[in-house]
Amino acid sequence: MKNKIIYLLTVIISSISLVACTTNTPTSVVNNFFKDIKPQMQDYLKNTISNDKNTEKLSKEIQDELINKFSKVQGKVLSEKIDKDKAQVEVELRSINLGKILGEVFKENISQAFSGEELSEEAISNMLIEKIKEAQISTRKGTIDLVKVDGNWEIDNKKSLASLILGVNEEIFNDKSSES
C-alpha cells in the first residue's frame, strides 16, 4: 500500500512539474509550481486515482483524505543560486509528512504482528485513514534543482521534488518491491 500511495503522488508531482516550465527564472518556475500544485493535484487525484492499476485498490476514503491534505501544500522560495544552465532554489514547504504517517502505520503493523495479531488489510487502511486525518501540517526546507532547456528553466529531479513534498526519503523511489 505504501508503494501505491507514493507511486500515485510521485506521478502527480512529476506531471504538475512539467507544466511549470515556461517562465524565465528558477524562482518563478518554482513559485508557479507551488501556485499550480493545489488545483492540479486535486484534479489529478480526482480524475486519475481510481483508474490507475497501481492505486485502484486504495479505498475511496484514503483517496479523499489524500486529496484533502495534499491540496493544502504551500511552498515559499527562500533563495536562488544560478550557475550557468543549472540552478538550485531553496524552499520552505508546508505539508503533511506522508513518510512519517506511513512509518507509524508500518511500525504499528509490525508491533501487532510480533504480538501474534496480524492486522487485516481493512484494519491497516482504517489506521492509515485515521493517521492521514490526524496529520498536522509541518514545515520543512529543501532544495529544488533546475536546468535550463531551450532557454527555459525546468525542474530537474522529479524524485527529489516528490521526496520533499511527500516527506519521504528519496531512496524509497528505488524500491522495486511490489508491496501492497
N, C-alpha and C. Protein backbone atom coordinates (compact mmCIF):
# COMPACT_ATOMS: atom_id res chain seq x y z
N MET A 1 0.83 -1.19 0.00
CA MET A 1 0.00 0.00 0.00
C MET A 1 0.87 1.25 0.00
N LYS A 2 1.96 1.22 0.75
CA LYS A 2 2.88 2.36 0.81
C LYS A 2 3.37 2.72 -0.59
N ASN A 3 3.78 1.72 -1.34
CA ASN A 3 4.30 1.98 -2.68
C ASN A 3 3.22 2.52 -3.60
N LYS A 4 1.99 2.06 -3.45
CA LYS A 4 0.89 2.55 -4.28
C LYS A 4 0.66 4.04 -4.04
N ILE A 5 0.65 4.43 -2.79
CA ILE A 5 0.42 5.84 -2.45
C ILE A 5 1.57 6.70 -2.96
N ILE A 6 2.78 6.27 -2.71
CA ILE A 6 3.95 7.05 -3.13
C ILE A 6 4.03 7.11 -4.65
N TYR A 7 3.74 6.00 -5.32
CA TYR A 7 3.73 5.99 -6.78
C TYR A 7 2.74 7.03 -7.31
N LEU A 8 1.55 6.99 -6.79
CA LEU A 8 0.50 7.90 -7.24
C LEU A 8 0.92 9.36 -7.08
N LEU A 9 1.36 9.71 -5.91
CA LEU A 9 1.70 11.11 -5.64
C LEU A 9 2.94 11.54 -6.42
N THR A 10 3.87 10.63 -6.66
CA THR A 10 5.04 10.96 -7.48
C THR A 10 4.64 11.25 -8.92
N VAL A 11 3.74 10.44 -9.46
CA VAL A 11 3.24 10.68 -10.82
C VAL A 11 2.58 12.04 -10.90
N ILE A 12 1.79 12.37 -9.90
CA ILE A 12 1.10 13.67 -9.87
C ILE A 12 2.12 14.81 -9.86
N ILE A 13 3.07 14.73 -8.96
CA ILE A 13 4.06 15.80 -8.82
C ILE A 13 4.88 15.93 -10.10
N SER A 14 5.24 14.81 -10.69
CA SER A 14 6.01 14.86 -11.94
C SER A 14 5.21 15.51 -13.06
N SER A 15 3.94 15.16 -13.16
CA SER A 15 3.15 15.75 -14.25
C SER A 15 2.88 17.22 -14.00
N ILE A 16 2.69 17.62 -12.77
CA ILE A 16 2.49 19.03 -12.46
C ILE A 16 3.76 19.82 -12.71
N SER A 17 4.91 19.25 -12.37
CA SER A 17 6.16 19.98 -12.55
C SER A 17 6.48 20.21 -14.02
N LEU A 18 5.93 19.40 -14.91
CA LEU A 18 6.13 19.63 -16.33
C LEU A 18 5.40 20.89 -16.81
N VAL A 19 4.29 21.20 -16.16
CA VAL A 19 3.52 22.38 -16.54
C VAL A 19 4.23 23.66 -16.12
N ALA A 20 5.03 23.59 -15.08
CA ALA A 20 5.65 24.80 -14.52
C ALA A 20 7.02 25.09 -15.12
N CYS A 21 7.17 24.93 -16.40
CA CYS A 21 8.49 25.02 -17.02
C CYS A 21 8.69 26.19 -17.97
N THR A 22 7.76 27.09 -18.11
CA THR A 22 7.86 28.04 -19.20
C THR A 22 8.10 29.48 -18.75
N THR A 23 8.70 29.70 -17.60
CA THR A 23 8.98 31.06 -17.17
C THR A 23 10.48 31.30 -17.13
N ASN A 24 10.87 32.55 -16.91
CA ASN A 24 12.25 32.98 -17.15
C ASN A 24 13.24 32.70 -16.03
N THR A 25 12.84 32.66 -14.79
CA THR A 25 13.80 32.47 -13.70
C THR A 25 13.49 31.21 -12.92
N PRO A 26 14.50 30.62 -12.29
CA PRO A 26 14.24 29.45 -11.45
C PRO A 26 13.21 29.75 -10.36
N THR A 27 13.31 30.93 -9.75
CA THR A 27 12.35 31.29 -8.70
C THR A 27 10.93 31.33 -9.24
N SER A 28 10.73 31.91 -10.41
CA SER A 28 9.38 31.99 -10.96
C SER A 28 8.84 30.62 -11.33
N VAL A 29 9.70 29.72 -11.81
CA VAL A 29 9.26 28.35 -12.11
C VAL A 29 8.77 27.67 -10.83
N VAL A 30 9.54 27.79 -9.77
CA VAL A 30 9.18 27.15 -8.50
C VAL A 30 7.92 27.81 -7.93
N ASN A 31 7.84 29.13 -7.97
CA ASN A 31 6.63 29.80 -7.48
C ASN A 31 5.39 29.37 -8.26
N ASN A 32 5.52 29.27 -9.58
CA ASN A 32 4.39 28.81 -10.40
C ASN A 32 4.02 27.37 -10.08
N PHE A 33 5.03 26.55 -9.84
CA PHE A 33 4.76 25.16 -9.47
C PHE A 33 3.91 25.12 -8.20
N PHE A 34 4.32 25.88 -7.18
CA PHE A 34 3.57 25.85 -5.93
C PHE A 34 2.19 26.49 -6.07
N LYS A 35 2.07 27.48 -6.93
CA LYS A 35 0.77 28.10 -7.16
C LYS A 35 -0.17 27.11 -7.85
N ASP A 36 0.36 26.34 -8.78
CA ASP A 36 -0.46 25.41 -9.57
C ASP A 36 -0.67 24.05 -8.90
N ILE A 37 0.13 23.73 -7.89
CA ILE A 37 0.09 22.37 -7.35
C ILE A 37 -1.25 22.03 -6.71
N LYS A 38 -1.86 22.97 -5.99
CA LYS A 38 -3.10 22.65 -5.29
C LYS A 38 -4.22 22.24 -6.25
N PRO A 39 -4.63 23.12 -7.18
CA PRO A 39 -5.74 22.72 -8.05
C PRO A 39 -5.40 21.54 -8.95
N GLN A 40 -4.17 21.49 -9.44
CA GLN A 40 -3.81 20.40 -10.34
C GLN A 40 -3.75 19.07 -9.61
N MET A 41 -3.20 19.07 -8.40
CA MET A 41 -3.13 17.84 -7.64
C MET A 41 -4.54 17.35 -7.32
N GLN A 42 -5.40 18.26 -6.94
CA GLN A 42 -6.77 17.90 -6.61
C GLN A 42 -7.48 17.32 -7.85
N ASP A 43 -7.37 17.99 -8.99
CA ASP A 43 -7.99 17.49 -10.21
C ASP A 43 -7.41 16.15 -10.62
N TYR A 44 -6.08 16.04 -10.57
CA TYR A 44 -5.42 14.81 -10.99
C TYR A 44 -5.84 13.64 -10.09
N LEU A 45 -5.85 13.88 -8.80
CA LEU A 45 -6.25 12.82 -7.88
C LEU A 45 -7.68 12.39 -8.14
N LYS A 46 -8.57 13.35 -8.30
CA LYS A 46 -9.98 13.03 -8.52
C LYS A 46 -10.19 12.27 -9.82
N ASN A 47 -9.48 12.64 -10.87
CA ASN A 47 -9.71 12.06 -12.19
C ASN A 47 -8.90 10.81 -12.47
N THR A 48 -7.82 10.58 -11.76
CA THR A 48 -6.89 9.53 -12.14
C THR A 48 -6.77 8.41 -11.12
N ILE A 49 -6.89 8.71 -9.86
CA ILE A 49 -6.51 7.73 -8.83
C ILE A 49 -7.25 6.40 -8.97
N SER A 50 -8.53 6.41 -9.28
CA SER A 50 -9.27 5.16 -9.34
C SER A 50 -9.07 4.42 -10.67
N ASN A 51 -8.45 5.06 -11.65
CA ASN A 51 -8.22 4.43 -12.95
C ASN A 51 -6.81 3.88 -13.10
N ASP A 52 -5.96 4.08 -12.11
CA ASP A 52 -4.56 3.67 -12.20
C ASP A 52 -4.41 2.28 -11.60
N LYS A 53 -3.86 1.33 -12.37
CA LYS A 53 -3.76 -0.05 -11.89
C LYS A 53 -2.93 -0.18 -10.62
N ASN A 54 -1.99 0.75 -10.39
CA ASN A 54 -1.16 0.67 -9.19
C ASN A 54 -1.85 1.23 -7.95
N THR A 55 -2.94 1.95 -8.12
CA THR A 55 -3.58 2.57 -6.97
C THR A 55 -5.07 2.24 -6.87
N GLU A 56 -5.59 1.42 -7.77
CA GLU A 56 -7.03 1.20 -7.78
C GLU A 56 -7.55 0.52 -6.52
N LYS A 57 -6.67 -0.14 -5.76
CA LYS A 57 -7.11 -0.81 -4.55
C LYS A 57 -7.16 0.13 -3.34
N LEU A 58 -6.72 1.37 -3.51
CA LEU A 58 -6.82 2.32 -2.40
C LEU A 58 -8.28 2.68 -2.20
N SER A 59 -8.71 2.69 -0.97
CA SER A 59 -10.12 2.98 -0.72
C SER A 59 -10.45 4.42 -1.09
N LYS A 60 -11.72 4.64 -1.37
CA LYS A 60 -12.20 5.98 -1.71
C LYS A 60 -11.91 6.95 -0.57
N GLU A 61 -12.00 6.48 0.66
CA GLU A 61 -11.75 7.34 1.81
C GLU A 61 -10.27 7.76 1.89
N ILE A 62 -9.36 6.84 1.59
CA ILE A 62 -7.94 7.19 1.56
C ILE A 62 -7.70 8.20 0.44
N GLN A 63 -8.31 7.95 -0.72
CA GLN A 63 -8.18 8.88 -1.84
C GLN A 63 -8.65 10.28 -1.44
N ASP A 64 -9.82 10.35 -0.81
CA ASP A 64 -10.38 11.65 -0.42
C ASP A 64 -9.49 12.36 0.60
N GLU A 65 -8.94 11.61 1.55
CA GLU A 65 -8.07 12.23 2.56
C GLU A 65 -6.77 12.73 1.93
N LEU A 66 -6.23 11.96 0.99
CA LEU A 66 -5.02 12.41 0.30
C LEU A 66 -5.29 13.68 -0.51
N ILE A 67 -6.43 13.71 -1.20
CA ILE A 67 -6.81 14.91 -1.95
C ILE A 67 -6.91 16.09 -1.01
N ASN A 68 -7.58 15.90 0.10
CA ASN A 68 -7.76 16.98 1.07
C ASN A 68 -6.43 17.49 1.61
N LYS A 69 -5.59 16.59 2.06
CA LYS A 69 -4.34 17.00 2.69
C LYS A 69 -3.34 17.59 1.70
N PHE A 70 -3.19 16.96 0.53
CA PHE A 70 -2.18 17.45 -0.40
C PHE A 70 -2.66 18.63 -1.23
N SER A 71 -3.93 18.97 -1.12
CA SER A 71 -4.38 20.19 -1.79
C SER A 71 -4.01 21.42 -0.95
N LYS A 72 -3.46 21.18 0.22
CA LYS A 72 -3.09 22.28 1.12
C LYS A 72 -1.58 22.55 1.14
N VAL A 73 -0.85 21.95 0.22
CA VAL A 73 0.60 22.16 0.14
C VAL A 73 0.89 23.64 -0.13
N GLN A 74 1.84 24.18 0.62
CA GLN A 74 2.28 25.56 0.40
C GLN A 74 3.80 25.58 0.34
N GLY A 75 4.32 26.34 -0.60
CA GLY A 75 5.77 26.47 -0.71
C GLY A 75 6.17 27.92 -0.87
N LYS A 76 7.35 28.22 -0.35
CA LYS A 76 7.86 29.59 -0.42
C LYS A 76 9.35 29.52 -0.75
N VAL A 77 9.76 30.31 -1.74
CA VAL A 77 11.16 30.36 -2.13
C VAL A 77 11.95 31.17 -1.10
N LEU A 78 13.07 30.60 -0.64
CA LEU A 78 13.94 31.28 0.31
C LEU A 78 15.16 31.89 -0.37
N SER A 79 15.72 31.17 -1.36
CA SER A 79 16.89 31.70 -2.06
C SER A 79 17.04 30.98 -3.39
N GLU A 80 17.89 31.56 -4.25
CA GLU A 80 18.14 31.01 -5.57
C GLU A 80 19.63 31.13 -5.88
N LYS A 81 20.21 30.06 -6.42
CA LYS A 81 21.60 30.08 -6.88
C LYS A 81 21.62 29.61 -8.32
N ILE A 82 22.18 30.42 -9.19
CA ILE A 82 22.28 30.05 -10.60
C ILE A 82 23.75 29.89 -10.97
N ASP A 83 24.06 28.79 -11.65
CA ASP A 83 25.40 28.54 -12.16
C ASP A 83 25.25 28.06 -13.60
N LYS A 84 25.36 28.99 -14.52
CA LYS A 84 25.21 28.74 -15.96
C LYS A 84 23.82 28.18 -16.25
N ASP A 85 23.73 26.92 -16.67
CA ASP A 85 22.44 26.32 -17.03
C ASP A 85 21.87 25.43 -15.93
N LYS A 86 22.37 25.62 -14.72
CA LYS A 86 21.84 24.87 -13.56
C LYS A 86 21.50 25.86 -12.47
N ALA A 87 20.51 25.51 -11.69
CA ALA A 87 20.12 26.38 -10.58
C ALA A 87 19.60 25.53 -9.43
N GLN A 88 19.70 26.10 -8.25
CA GLN A 88 19.12 25.49 -7.06
C GLN A 88 18.29 26.56 -6.37
N VAL A 89 17.07 26.16 -6.02
CA VAL A 89 16.17 27.05 -5.32
C VAL A 89 15.86 26.42 -3.97
N GLU A 90 16.23 27.12 -2.91
CA GLU A 90 15.92 26.63 -1.57
C GLU A 90 14.51 27.06 -1.24
N VAL A 91 13.71 26.13 -0.74
CA VAL A 91 12.31 26.41 -0.43
C VAL A 91 11.96 25.99 0.99
N GLU A 92 10.91 26.60 1.46
CA GLU A 92 10.28 26.18 2.71
C GLU A 92 8.91 25.65 2.31
N LEU A 93 8.60 24.47 2.77
CA LEU A 93 7.39 23.77 2.35
C LEU A 93 6.52 23.47 3.56
N ARG A 94 5.23 23.68 3.39
CA ARG A 94 4.26 23.31 4.43
C ARG A 94 3.34 22.24 3.86
N SER A 95 3.38 21.07 4.48
CA SER A 95 2.61 19.93 4.00
C SER A 95 2.57 18.88 5.10
N ILE A 96 1.74 17.86 4.89
CA ILE A 96 1.82 16.73 5.81
C ILE A 96 3.07 15.94 5.48
N ASN A 97 3.52 15.14 6.43
CA ASN A 97 4.69 14.31 6.24
C ASN A 97 4.21 12.87 6.03
N LEU A 98 3.99 12.53 4.75
CA LEU A 98 3.49 11.20 4.42
C LEU A 98 4.47 10.10 4.85
N GLY A 99 5.76 10.38 4.77
CA GLY A 99 6.74 9.41 5.21
C GLY A 99 6.57 9.04 6.67
N LYS A 100 6.33 10.04 7.50
CA LYS A 100 6.11 9.80 8.93
C LYS A 100 4.83 8.99 9.15
N ILE A 101 3.77 9.34 8.43
CA ILE A 101 2.50 8.64 8.57
C ILE A 101 2.65 7.17 8.20
N LEU A 102 3.27 6.92 7.04
CA LEU A 102 3.45 5.54 6.60
C LEU A 102 4.35 4.77 7.56
N GLY A 103 5.37 5.44 8.10
CA GLY A 103 6.24 4.82 9.09
C GLY A 103 5.50 4.42 10.35
N GLU A 104 4.59 5.29 10.82
CA GLU A 104 3.80 4.98 12.01
C GLU A 104 2.88 3.79 11.76
N VAL A 105 2.24 3.75 10.59
CA VAL A 105 1.35 2.63 10.27
C VAL A 105 2.16 1.34 10.17
N PHE A 106 3.32 1.40 9.52
CA PHE A 106 4.18 0.23 9.39
C PHE A 106 4.62 -0.27 10.76
N LYS A 107 5.05 0.67 11.62
CA LYS A 107 5.53 0.30 12.95
C LYS A 107 4.42 -0.36 13.77
N GLU A 108 3.22 0.19 13.70
CA GLU A 108 2.10 -0.39 14.43
C GLU A 108 1.75 -1.77 13.89
N ASN A 109 1.80 -1.92 12.59
CA ASN A 109 1.50 -3.20 11.96
C ASN A 109 2.52 -4.25 12.39
N ILE A 110 3.80 -3.89 12.39
CA ILE A 110 4.85 -4.82 12.82
C ILE A 110 4.68 -5.17 14.29
N SER A 111 4.38 -4.17 15.10
CA SER A 111 4.18 -4.39 16.53
C SER A 111 3.05 -5.40 16.77
N GLN A 112 1.96 -5.24 16.03
CA GLN A 112 0.83 -6.17 16.15
C GLN A 112 1.24 -7.57 15.71
N ALA A 113 2.02 -7.65 14.63
CA ALA A 113 2.44 -8.95 14.13
C ALA A 113 3.32 -9.68 15.14
N PHE A 114 4.23 -8.93 15.80
CA PHE A 114 5.09 -9.56 16.81
C PHE A 114 4.32 -9.99 18.05
N SER A 115 3.19 -9.37 18.29
CA SER A 115 2.38 -9.78 19.44
C SER A 115 1.42 -10.90 19.06
N GLY A 116 1.54 -11.39 17.82
CA GLY A 116 0.74 -12.54 17.40
C GLY A 116 -0.56 -12.16 16.72
N GLU A 117 -0.84 -10.91 16.57
CA GLU A 117 -2.10 -10.48 15.95
C GLU A 117 -1.79 -9.76 14.64
N GLU A 118 -2.09 -10.42 13.54
CA GLU A 118 -1.84 -9.80 12.24
C GLU A 118 -3.06 -8.97 11.84
N LEU A 119 -2.81 -7.74 11.43
CA LEU A 119 -3.90 -6.85 11.04
C LEU A 119 -4.35 -7.14 9.61
N SER A 120 -5.65 -7.04 9.40
CA SER A 120 -6.19 -7.22 8.05
C SER A 120 -5.88 -6.00 7.21
N GLU A 121 -6.03 -6.14 5.90
CA GLU A 121 -5.80 -5.00 5.01
C GLU A 121 -6.79 -3.87 5.33
N GLU A 122 -8.00 -4.24 5.70
CA GLU A 122 -9.01 -3.24 6.06
C GLU A 122 -8.60 -2.49 7.34
N ALA A 123 -8.08 -3.21 8.32
CA ALA A 123 -7.63 -2.57 9.56
C ALA A 123 -6.46 -1.62 9.28
N ILE A 124 -5.55 -2.04 8.41
CA ILE A 124 -4.41 -1.19 8.05
C ILE A 124 -4.91 0.06 7.32
N SER A 125 -5.86 -0.14 6.40
CA SER A 125 -6.44 1.01 5.68
C SER A 125 -7.11 1.98 6.64
N ASN A 126 -7.85 1.45 7.59
CA ASN A 126 -8.52 2.31 8.58
C ASN A 126 -7.50 3.08 9.42
N MET A 127 -6.43 2.39 9.80
CA MET A 127 -5.38 3.04 10.57
C MET A 127 -4.74 4.17 9.73
N LEU A 128 -4.49 3.89 8.47
CA LEU A 128 -3.90 4.88 7.57
C LEU A 128 -4.82 6.08 7.42
N ILE A 129 -6.11 5.83 7.23
CA ILE A 129 -7.08 6.92 7.10
C ILE A 129 -7.05 7.81 8.34
N GLU A 130 -7.06 7.19 9.51
CA GLU A 130 -7.05 7.98 10.76
C GLU A 130 -5.76 8.80 10.88
N LYS A 131 -4.63 8.18 10.54
CA LYS A 131 -3.34 8.90 10.63
C LYS A 131 -3.32 10.08 9.65
N ILE A 132 -3.85 9.89 8.46
CA ILE A 132 -3.90 10.99 7.49
C ILE A 132 -4.82 12.10 8.00
N LYS A 133 -5.97 11.72 8.52
CA LYS A 133 -6.92 12.72 9.06
C LYS A 133 -6.30 13.52 10.19
N GLU A 134 -5.55 12.84 11.05
CA GLU A 134 -4.96 13.49 12.23
C GLU A 134 -3.67 14.24 11.90
N ALA A 135 -3.12 14.01 10.72
CA ALA A 135 -1.81 14.58 10.38
C ALA A 135 -1.84 16.10 10.43
N GLN A 136 -0.83 16.63 11.06
CA GLN A 136 -0.66 18.07 11.14
C GLN A 136 0.24 18.54 10.00
N ILE A 137 -0.01 19.75 9.57
CA ILE A 137 0.85 20.35 8.56
C ILE A 137 2.17 20.69 9.24
N SER A 138 3.27 20.28 8.63
CA SER A 138 4.58 20.59 9.18
C SER A 138 5.37 21.40 8.15
N THR A 139 6.41 22.04 8.64
CA THR A 139 7.25 22.86 7.78
C THR A 139 8.60 22.18 7.63
N ARG A 140 9.09 22.10 6.40
CA ARG A 140 10.43 21.57 6.16
C ARG A 140 11.07 22.37 5.03
N LYS A 141 12.38 22.32 5.00
CA LYS A 141 13.13 23.04 3.97
C LYS A 141 13.80 22.03 3.06
N GLY A 142 14.01 22.45 1.83
CA GLY A 142 14.69 21.60 0.88
C GLY A 142 15.15 22.41 -0.31
N THR A 143 15.82 21.73 -1.21
CA THR A 143 16.36 22.37 -2.40
C THR A 143 15.75 21.72 -3.64
N ILE A 144 15.34 22.56 -4.57
CA ILE A 144 14.81 22.09 -5.85
C ILE A 144 15.84 22.43 -6.91
N ASP A 145 16.25 21.42 -7.67
CA ASP A 145 17.22 21.60 -8.75
C ASP A 145 16.49 21.91 -10.05
N LEU A 146 17.05 22.85 -10.80
CA LEU A 146 16.51 23.21 -12.10
C LEU A 146 17.61 23.21 -13.13
N VAL A 147 17.23 23.00 -14.39
CA VAL A 147 18.16 23.09 -15.52
C VAL A 147 17.51 23.94 -16.60
N LYS A 148 18.37 24.58 -17.39
CA LYS A 148 17.87 25.39 -18.49
C LYS A 148 17.83 24.51 -19.74
N VAL A 149 16.65 24.42 -20.35
CA VAL A 149 16.46 23.62 -21.55
C VAL A 149 15.82 24.53 -22.60
N ASP A 150 16.50 24.69 -23.72
CA ASP A 150 16.00 25.56 -24.80
C ASP A 150 15.64 26.95 -24.29
N GLY A 151 16.46 27.46 -23.38
CA GLY A 151 16.26 28.81 -22.87
C GLY A 151 15.26 28.95 -21.75
N ASN A 152 14.61 27.85 -21.35
CA ASN A 152 13.63 27.89 -20.26
C ASN A 152 14.09 27.03 -19.09
N TRP A 153 13.80 27.50 -17.89
CA TRP A 153 14.14 26.74 -16.69
C TRP A 153 13.10 25.66 -16.46
N GLU A 154 13.59 24.46 -16.11
CA GLU A 154 12.73 23.32 -15.81
C GLU A 154 13.19 22.66 -14.52
N ILE A 155 12.24 22.15 -13.77
CA ILE A 155 12.58 21.39 -12.57
C ILE A 155 13.26 20.11 -13.03
N ASP A 156 14.43 19.83 -12.45
CA ASP A 156 15.29 18.75 -12.94
C ASP A 156 14.99 17.40 -12.32
N ASN A 157 15.05 17.28 -11.03
CA ASN A 157 14.95 15.98 -10.38
C ASN A 157 13.56 15.81 -9.78
N LYS A 158 12.68 15.14 -10.52
CA LYS A 158 11.30 14.96 -10.07
C LYS A 158 11.22 14.11 -8.80
N LYS A 159 12.12 13.13 -8.67
CA LYS A 159 12.11 12.29 -7.47
C LYS A 159 12.48 13.11 -6.24
N SER A 160 13.44 13.99 -6.39
CA SER A 160 13.84 14.85 -5.28
C SER A 160 12.71 15.78 -4.87
N LEU A 161 12.02 16.33 -5.85
CA LEU A 161 10.88 17.21 -5.58
C LEU A 161 9.75 16.43 -4.89
N ALA A 162 9.45 15.26 -5.41
CA ALA A 162 8.41 14.43 -4.81
C ALA A 162 8.78 14.07 -3.38
N SER A 163 10.04 13.73 -3.16
CA SER A 163 10.53 13.40 -1.84
C SER A 163 10.31 14.55 -0.86
N LEU A 164 10.62 15.75 -1.30
CA LEU A 164 10.43 16.94 -0.47
C LEU A 164 8.96 17.15 -0.13
N ILE A 165 8.11 17.08 -1.12
CA ILE A 165 6.68 17.35 -0.91
C ILE A 165 6.03 16.27 -0.05
N LEU A 166 6.39 15.02 -0.29
CA LEU A 166 5.77 13.92 0.45
C LEU A 166 6.37 13.71 1.83
N GLY A 167 7.59 14.20 2.03
CA GLY A 167 8.24 13.98 3.31
C GLY A 167 8.80 12.58 3.44
N VAL A 168 9.22 12.01 2.31
CA VAL A 168 9.81 10.66 2.32
C VAL A 168 11.24 10.74 1.83
N ASN A 169 12.02 9.74 2.19
CA ASN A 169 13.40 9.66 1.75
C ASN A 169 13.42 9.31 0.27
N GLU A 170 14.24 10.00 -0.49
CA GLU A 170 14.30 9.79 -1.95
C GLU A 170 14.63 8.34 -2.31
N GLU A 171 15.32 7.62 -1.45
CA GLU A 171 15.69 6.23 -1.73
C GLU A 171 14.48 5.33 -1.87
N ILE A 172 13.34 5.74 -1.33
CA ILE A 172 12.13 4.93 -1.42
C ILE A 172 11.70 4.73 -2.86
N PHE A 173 12.05 5.67 -3.74
CA PHE A 173 11.67 5.58 -5.13
C PHE A 173 12.46 4.50 -5.87
N ASN A 174 13.53 4.02 -5.26
CA ASN A 174 14.34 2.98 -5.87
C ASN A 174 13.90 1.60 -5.43
N ASP A 175 12.90 1.52 -4.53
CA ASP A 175 12.39 0.26 -4.03
C ASP A 175 11.57 -0.41 -5.12
N LYS A 176 12.02 -1.53 -5.62
CA LYS A 176 11.36 -2.21 -6.74
C LYS A 176 10.36 -3.24 -6.27
N SER A 177 10.17 -3.40 -4.96
CA SER A 177 9.24 -4.42 -4.49
C SER A 177 7.82 -4.04 -4.85
N SER A 178 6.95 -5.00 -4.94
CA SER A 178 5.55 -4.74 -5.27
C SER A 178 4.69 -4.91 -4.04
N GLU A 179 5.03 -4.17 -3.01
CA GLU A 179 4.33 -4.18 -1.74
C GLU A 179 2.90 -3.73 -1.93
N SER A 180 1.96 -4.33 -1.22
CA SER A 180 0.57 -3.86 -1.30
C SER A 180 0.08 -3.33 0.00
